[in-house]
Protein backbone atom coordinates (compact mmCIF):
# COMPACT_ATOMS: atom_id res chain seq x y z
CA UNK A 1 0.00 0.00 0.00
CA UNK A 2 1.55 3.22 -1.13
CA UNK A 3 0.75 6.51 0.52
CA UNK A 4 2.09 9.98 0.06
CA UNK A 5 1.73 13.42 1.59
CA UNK A 6 -1.62 14.75 2.71
CA UNK A 7 -4.59 12.46 3.16
CA UNK A 8 -3.86 9.60 0.83
CA UNK A 9 -1.12 11.32 -1.13
CA UNK A 10 -0.86 10.96 -4.86
CA UNK A 11 -1.99 7.38 -4.77
CA UNK A 12 -4.40 5.52 -2.56
CA UNK A 13 -4.55 2.04 -3.96
CA UNK A 14 -5.27 -1.23 -2.29
CA UNK A 15 -4.39 -4.27 -4.34
CA UNK A 16 -5.18 -7.77 -3.22
CA UNK A 17 -4.16 -10.73 -5.32
CA UNK A 18 -6.09 -13.94 -4.95
CA UNK A 19 -5.45 -17.43 -6.19
CA UNK A 20 -7.49 -18.70 -9.12
CA UNK A 21 -10.84 -20.31 -8.18
CA UNK A 22 -11.49 -17.76 -5.45
CA UNK A 23 -12.51 -14.88 -7.65
CA UNK A 24 -10.97 -16.02 -10.88
CA UNK A 25 -7.69 -14.59 -12.05
CA UNK A 26 -7.94 -11.39 -10.08
CA UNK A 27 -9.41 -10.35 -6.78
CA UNK A 28 -8.45 -6.71 -6.58
CA UNK A 29 -9.70 -3.66 -4.79
CA UNK A 30 -8.62 -0.47 -6.46
CA UNK A 31 -9.20 3.03 -5.20
CA UNK A 32 -8.00 5.86 -7.38
CA UNK A 33 -7.16 9.19 -5.83
CA UNK A 34 -6.78 12.45 -7.67
CA UNK A 35 -6.67 16.16 -6.93
CA UNK A 36 -8.62 17.33 -3.91
CA UNK A 37 -10.09 14.63 -1.71
CA UNK A 38 -10.43 11.73 -4.06
CA UNK A 39 -10.43 13.76 -7.22
CA UNK A 40 -12.84 13.08 -10.02
CA UNK A 41 -13.15 9.40 -9.26
CA UNK A 42 -13.73 7.44 -6.12
CA UNK A 43 -14.31 3.96 -7.38
CA UNK A 44 -14.04 0.55 -5.88
CA UNK A 45 -13.63 -2.17 -8.45
CA UNK A 46 -13.65 -5.84 -7.69
CA UNK A 47 -13.14 -8.23 -10.57
CA UNK A 48 -14.35 -11.79 -10.23
CA UNK A 49 -14.11 -14.78 -12.47
CA UNK A 50 -16.86 -17.05 -13.73
CA UNK A 51 -18.52 -19.45 -11.31
CA UNK A 52 -18.67 -17.24 -8.24
CA UNK A 53 -20.44 -14.08 -9.22
CA UNK A 54 -20.66 -14.59 -12.95
CA UNK A 55 -18.38 -13.01 -15.50
CA UNK A 56 -18.03 -9.74 -13.65
CA UNK A 57 -18.44 -8.78 -10.04
CA UNK A 58 -17.81 -5.05 -9.99
CA UNK A 59 -18.82 -2.40 -7.51
CA UNK A 60 -18.67 1.11 -8.87
CA UNK A 61 -19.44 4.20 -6.88
CA UNK A 62 -19.39 7.68 -8.36
CA UNK A 63 -18.96 10.70 -6.15
CA UNK A 64 -21.62 13.35 -6.38
CA UNK A 65 -21.95 16.91 -5.13
CA UNK A 66 -20.06 17.74 -1.97
CA UNK A 67 -17.85 14.95 -0.72
CA UNK A 68 -19.66 11.76 -1.49
CA UNK A 69 -23.24 12.86 -1.03
CA UNK A 70 -25.40 11.52 1.77
CA UNK A 71 -24.03 7.99 1.72
CA UNK A 72 -20.85 6.38 0.57
CA UNK A 73 -21.37 2.76 1.39
CA UNK A 74 -20.73 -0.42 -0.54
CA UNK A 75 -22.11 -3.60 0.95
CA UNK A 76 -21.67 -7.02 -0.54
CA UNK A 77 -23.01 -10.01 1.34
CA UNK A 78 -21.87 -13.53 0.57
CA UNK A 79 -22.83 -16.87 2.01
CA UNK A 80 -20.64 -19.60 3.46
CA UNK A 81 -18.21 -21.22 1.04
CA UNK A 82 -17.23 -18.08 -0.83
CA UNK A 83 -15.49 -16.06 1.81
CA UNK A 84 -16.83 -17.69 4.92
CA UNK A 85 -19.71 -16.12 6.80
CA UNK A 86 -19.22 -12.61 5.49
CA UNK A 87 -17.76 -11.03 2.40
CA UNK A 88 -18.47 -7.38 2.94
CA UNK A 89 -16.98 -4.13 1.77
CA UNK A 90 -17.98 -1.23 3.96
CA UNK A 91 -17.07 2.39 3.47
CA UNK A 92 -18.61 4.88 5.86
CA UNK A 93 -18.86 8.54 4.96
CA UNK A 94 -19.83 11.41 7.20
CA UNK A 95 -19.07 15.06 7.82
CA UNK A 96 -15.62 16.24 6.84
CA UNK A 97 -13.69 13.98 4.52
CA UNK A 98 -15.07 10.57 5.32
CA UNK A 99 -16.24 11.39 8.83
CA UNK A 100 -14.74 9.46 11.71
CA UNK A 101 -13.82 6.49 9.57
CA UNK A 102 -12.39 5.99 6.13
CA UNK A 103 -12.12 2.26 6.12
CA UNK A 104 -12.48 -0.60 3.70
CA UNK A 105 -13.20 -3.81 5.50
CA UNK A 106 -13.34 -7.23 3.94
CA UNK A 107 -14.06 -10.09 6.28
CA UNK A 108 -13.15 -13.61 5.25
CA UNK A 109 -13.63 -16.96 6.87
CA UNK A 110 -10.96 -19.52 7.67
CA UNK A 111 -9.42 -21.42 4.78
CA UNK A 112 -9.43 -18.65 2.20
CA UNK A 113 -7.36 -15.86 3.63
CA UNK A 114 -7.05 -17.09 7.19
CA UNK A 115 -9.15 -15.86 10.07
CA UNK A 116 -9.27 -12.28 8.85
CA UNK A 117 -8.76 -10.61 5.54
CA UNK A 118 -9.07 -6.91 6.18
CA UNK A 119 -7.89 -3.84 4.33
CA UNK A 120 -7.91 -0.65 6.34
CA UNK A 121 -7.24 2.90 5.24
CA UNK A 122 -6.88 5.32 8.13
CA UNK A 123 -7.73 8.96 7.64
CA UNK A 124 -5.86 11.47 9.77
CA UNK A 125 -3.09 10.65 12.19
CA UNK A 126 -2.40 7.12 11.07
CA UNK A 127 -2.41 5.37 7.75
CA UNK A 128 -3.00 1.69 8.34
CA UNK A 129 -4.29 0.45 11.69
CA UNK A 130 -2.67 -2.62 13.12
CA UNK A 131 -4.35 -5.99 13.53
C-alpha atoms as a PDB file:
ATOM      1  CA  UNK A   1       0.000   0.000   0.000  1.00  0.00           C
ATOM      2  CA  UNK A   2       1.545   3.223  -1.127  1.00  0.00           C
ATOM      3  CA  UNK A   3       0.751   6.506   0.517  1.00  0.00           C
ATOM      4  CA  UNK A   4       2.086   9.983   0.063  1.00  0.00           C
ATOM      5  CA  UNK A   5       1.730  13.419   1.587  1.00  0.00           C
ATOM      6  CA  UNK A   6      -1.622  14.750   2.710  1.00  0.00           C
ATOM      7  CA  UNK A   7      -4.587  12.460   3.159  1.00  0.00           C
ATOM      8  CA  UNK A   8      -3.861   9.602   0.828  1.00  0.00           C
ATOM      9  CA  UNK A   9      -1.123  11.316  -1.127  1.00  0.00           C
ATOM     10  CA  UNK A  10      -0.862  10.965  -4.855  1.00  0.00           C
ATOM     11  CA  UNK A  11      -1.992   7.378  -4.767  1.00  0.00           C
ATOM     12  CA  UNK A  12      -4.403   5.521  -2.560  1.00  0.00           C
ATOM     13  CA  UNK A  13      -4.549   2.043  -3.965  1.00  0.00           C
ATOM     14  CA  UNK A  14      -5.272  -1.232  -2.291  1.00  0.00           C
ATOM     15  CA  UNK A  15      -4.386  -4.272  -4.341  1.00  0.00           C
ATOM     16  CA  UNK A  16      -5.181  -7.768  -3.220  1.00  0.00           C
ATOM     17  CA  UNK A  17      -4.160 -10.728  -5.322  1.00  0.00           C
ATOM     18  CA  UNK A  18      -6.094 -13.939  -4.947  1.00  0.00           C
ATOM     19  CA  UNK A  19      -5.450 -17.428  -6.190  1.00  0.00           C
ATOM     20  CA  UNK A  20      -7.486 -18.700  -9.123  1.00  0.00           C
ATOM     21  CA  UNK A  21     -10.844 -20.310  -8.185  1.00  0.00           C
ATOM     22  CA  UNK A  22     -11.491 -17.761  -5.446  1.00  0.00           C
ATOM     23  CA  UNK A  23     -12.511 -14.880  -7.650  1.00  0.00           C
ATOM     24  CA  UNK A  24     -10.966 -16.016 -10.877  1.00  0.00           C
ATOM     25  CA  UNK A  25      -7.690 -14.587 -12.051  1.00  0.00           C
ATOM     26  CA  UNK A  26      -7.936 -11.392 -10.082  1.00  0.00           C
ATOM     27  CA  UNK A  27      -9.415 -10.348  -6.778  1.00  0.00           C
ATOM     28  CA  UNK A  28      -8.452  -6.709  -6.578  1.00  0.00           C
ATOM     29  CA  UNK A  29      -9.699  -3.656  -4.785  1.00  0.00           C
ATOM     30  CA  UNK A  30      -8.625  -0.467  -6.461  1.00  0.00           C
ATOM     31  CA  UNK A  31      -9.204   3.034  -5.199  1.00  0.00           C
ATOM     32  CA  UNK A  32      -8.002   5.862  -7.384  1.00  0.00           C
ATOM     33  CA  UNK A  33      -7.162   9.194  -5.829  1.00  0.00           C
ATOM     34  CA  UNK A  34      -6.776  12.452  -7.674  1.00  0.00           C
ATOM     35  CA  UNK A  35      -6.674  16.160  -6.933  1.00  0.00           C
ATOM     36  CA  UNK A  36      -8.619  17.332  -3.907  1.00  0.00           C
ATOM     37  CA  UNK A  37     -10.088  14.632  -1.706  1.00  0.00           C
ATOM     38  CA  UNK A  38     -10.426  11.726  -4.063  1.00  0.00           C
ATOM     39  CA  UNK A  39     -10.426  13.760  -7.225  1.00  0.00           C
ATOM     40  CA  UNK A  40     -12.843  13.078 -10.018  1.00  0.00           C
ATOM     41  CA  UNK A  41     -13.150   9.399  -9.258  1.00  0.00           C
ATOM     42  CA  UNK A  42     -13.727   7.445  -6.118  1.00  0.00           C
ATOM     43  CA  UNK A  43     -14.314   3.964  -7.377  1.00  0.00           C
ATOM     44  CA  UNK A  44     -14.035   0.554  -5.876  1.00  0.00           C
ATOM     45  CA  UNK A  45     -13.630  -2.169  -8.449  1.00  0.00           C
ATOM     46  CA  UNK A  46     -13.654  -5.844  -7.691  1.00  0.00           C
ATOM     47  CA  UNK A  47     -13.140  -8.229 -10.567  1.00  0.00           C
ATOM     48  CA  UNK A  48     -14.349 -11.787 -10.234  1.00  0.00           C
ATOM     49  CA  UNK A  49     -14.107 -14.784 -12.471  1.00  0.00           C
ATOM     50  CA  UNK A  50     -16.860 -17.046 -13.734  1.00  0.00           C
ATOM     51  CA  UNK A  51     -18.515 -19.449 -11.314  1.00  0.00           C
ATOM     52  CA  UNK A  52     -18.665 -17.238  -8.239  1.00  0.00           C
ATOM     53  CA  UNK A  53     -20.436 -14.081  -9.219  1.00  0.00           C
ATOM     54  CA  UNK A  54     -20.656 -14.591 -12.948  1.00  0.00           C
ATOM     55  CA  UNK A  55     -18.382 -13.007 -15.501  1.00  0.00           C
ATOM     56  CA  UNK A  56     -18.031  -9.744 -13.646  1.00  0.00           C
ATOM     57  CA  UNK A  57     -18.439  -8.776 -10.037  1.00  0.00           C
ATOM     58  CA  UNK A  58     -17.809  -5.055  -9.988  1.00  0.00           C
ATOM     59  CA  UNK A  59     -18.820  -2.404  -7.514  1.00  0.00           C
ATOM     60  CA  UNK A  60     -18.666   1.111  -8.870  1.00  0.00           C
ATOM     61  CA  UNK A  61     -19.443   4.201  -6.879  1.00  0.00           C
ATOM     62  CA  UNK A  62     -19.390   7.675  -8.357  1.00  0.00           C
ATOM     63  CA  UNK A  63     -18.957  10.702  -6.146  1.00  0.00           C
ATOM     64  CA  UNK A  64     -21.620  13.349  -6.381  1.00  0.00           C
ATOM     65  CA  UNK A  65     -21.955  16.907  -5.135  1.00  0.00           C
ATOM     66  CA  UNK A  66     -20.062  17.737  -1.971  1.00  0.00           C
ATOM     67  CA  UNK A  67     -17.853  14.953  -0.724  1.00  0.00           C
ATOM     68  CA  UNK A  68     -19.662  11.756  -1.487  1.00  0.00           C
ATOM     69  CA  UNK A  69     -23.239  12.863  -1.031  1.00  0.00           C
ATOM     70  CA  UNK A  70     -25.396  11.517   1.766  1.00  0.00           C
ATOM     71  CA  UNK A  71     -24.032   7.988   1.719  1.00  0.00           C
ATOM     72  CA  UNK A  72     -20.846   6.381   0.567  1.00  0.00           C
ATOM     73  CA  UNK A  73     -21.368   2.756   1.386  1.00  0.00           C
ATOM     74  CA  UNK A  74     -20.734  -0.424  -0.544  1.00  0.00           C
ATOM     75  CA  UNK A  75     -22.107  -3.596   0.945  1.00  0.00           C
ATOM     76  CA  UNK A  76     -21.666  -7.017  -0.540  1.00  0.00           C
ATOM     77  CA  UNK A  77     -23.008 -10.009   1.336  1.00  0.00           C
ATOM     78  CA  UNK A  78     -21.870 -13.534   0.574  1.00  0.00           C
ATOM     79  CA  UNK A  79     -22.829 -16.871   2.012  1.00  0.00           C
ATOM     80  CA  UNK A  80     -20.645 -19.601   3.461  1.00  0.00           C
ATOM     81  CA  UNK A  81     -18.209 -21.222   1.045  1.00  0.00           C
ATOM     82  CA  UNK A  82     -17.235 -18.080  -0.835  1.00  0.00           C
ATOM     83  CA  UNK A  83     -15.492 -16.059   1.813  1.00  0.00           C
ATOM     84  CA  UNK A  84     -16.835 -17.694   4.923  1.00  0.00           C
ATOM     85  CA  UNK A  85     -19.709 -16.119   6.799  1.00  0.00           C
ATOM     86  CA  UNK A  86     -19.225 -12.609   5.492  1.00  0.00           C
ATOM     87  CA  UNK A  87     -17.760 -11.028   2.403  1.00  0.00           C
ATOM     88  CA  UNK A  88     -18.474  -7.378   2.942  1.00  0.00           C
ATOM     89  CA  UNK A  89     -16.984  -4.132   1.768  1.00  0.00           C
ATOM     90  CA  UNK A  90     -17.980  -1.230   3.964  1.00  0.00           C
ATOM     91  CA  UNK A  91     -17.067   2.392   3.472  1.00  0.00           C
ATOM     92  CA  UNK A  92     -18.615   4.884   5.862  1.00  0.00           C
ATOM     93  CA  UNK A  93     -18.863   8.541   4.965  1.00  0.00           C
ATOM     94  CA  UNK A  94     -19.829  11.409   7.198  1.00  0.00           C
ATOM     95  CA  UNK A  95     -19.067  15.055   7.824  1.00  0.00           C
ATOM     96  CA  UNK A  96     -15.622  16.243   6.835  1.00  0.00           C
ATOM     97  CA  UNK A  97     -13.692  13.977   4.515  1.00  0.00           C
ATOM     98  CA  UNK A  98     -15.070  10.568   5.325  1.00  0.00           C
ATOM     99  CA  UNK A  99     -16.239  11.387   8.828  1.00  0.00           C
ATOM    100  CA  UNK A 100     -14.739   9.463  11.706  1.00  0.00           C
ATOM    101  CA  UNK A 101     -13.817   6.492   9.571  1.00  0.00           C
ATOM    102  CA  UNK A 102     -12.387   5.992   6.133  1.00  0.00           C
ATOM    103  CA  UNK A 103     -12.121   2.257   6.116  1.00  0.00           C
ATOM    104  CA  UNK A 104     -12.475  -0.596   3.704  1.00  0.00           C
ATOM    105  CA  UNK A 105     -13.196  -3.815   5.505  1.00  0.00           C
ATOM    106  CA  UNK A 106     -13.341  -7.227   3.936  1.00  0.00           C
ATOM    107  CA  UNK A 107     -14.058 -10.093   6.282  1.00  0.00           C
ATOM    108  CA  UNK A 108     -13.152 -13.608   5.245  1.00  0.00           C
ATOM    109  CA  UNK A 109     -13.628 -16.961   6.868  1.00  0.00           C
ATOM    110  CA  UNK A 110     -10.962 -19.521   7.666  1.00  0.00           C
ATOM    111  CA  UNK A 111      -9.416 -21.423   4.781  1.00  0.00           C
ATOM    112  CA  UNK A 112      -9.425 -18.654   2.199  1.00  0.00           C
ATOM    113  CA  UNK A 113      -7.358 -15.864   3.629  1.00  0.00           C
ATOM    114  CA  UNK A 114      -7.048 -17.088   7.190  1.00  0.00           C
ATOM    115  CA  UNK A 115      -9.150 -15.859  10.074  1.00  0.00           C
ATOM    116  CA  UNK A 116      -9.273 -12.285   8.849  1.00  0.00           C
ATOM    117  CA  UNK A 117      -8.758 -10.606   5.542  1.00  0.00           C
ATOM    118  CA  UNK A 118      -9.066  -6.914   6.184  1.00  0.00           C
ATOM    119  CA  UNK A 119      -7.888  -3.844   4.328  1.00  0.00           C
ATOM    120  CA  UNK A 120      -7.912  -0.654   6.342  1.00  0.00           C
ATOM    121  CA  UNK A 121      -7.235   2.903   5.236  1.00  0.00           C
ATOM    122  CA  UNK A 122      -6.877   5.315   8.134  1.00  0.00           C
ATOM    123  CA  UNK A 123      -7.730   8.956   7.643  1.00  0.00           C
ATOM    124  CA  UNK A 124      -5.860  11.469   9.768  1.00  0.00           C
ATOM    125  CA  UNK A 125      -3.092  10.652  12.194  1.00  0.00           C
ATOM    126  CA  UNK A 126      -2.396   7.122  11.073  1.00  0.00           C
ATOM    127  CA  UNK A 127      -2.415   5.368   7.750  1.00  0.00           C
ATOM    128  CA  UNK A 128      -2.997   1.689   8.339  1.00  0.00           C
ATOM    129  CA  UNK A 129      -4.288   0.452  11.689  1.00  0.00           C
ATOM    130  CA  UNK A 130      -2.673  -2.617  13.123  1.00  0.00           C
ATOM    131  CA  UNK A 131      -4.354  -5.995  13.527  1.00  0.00           C
END
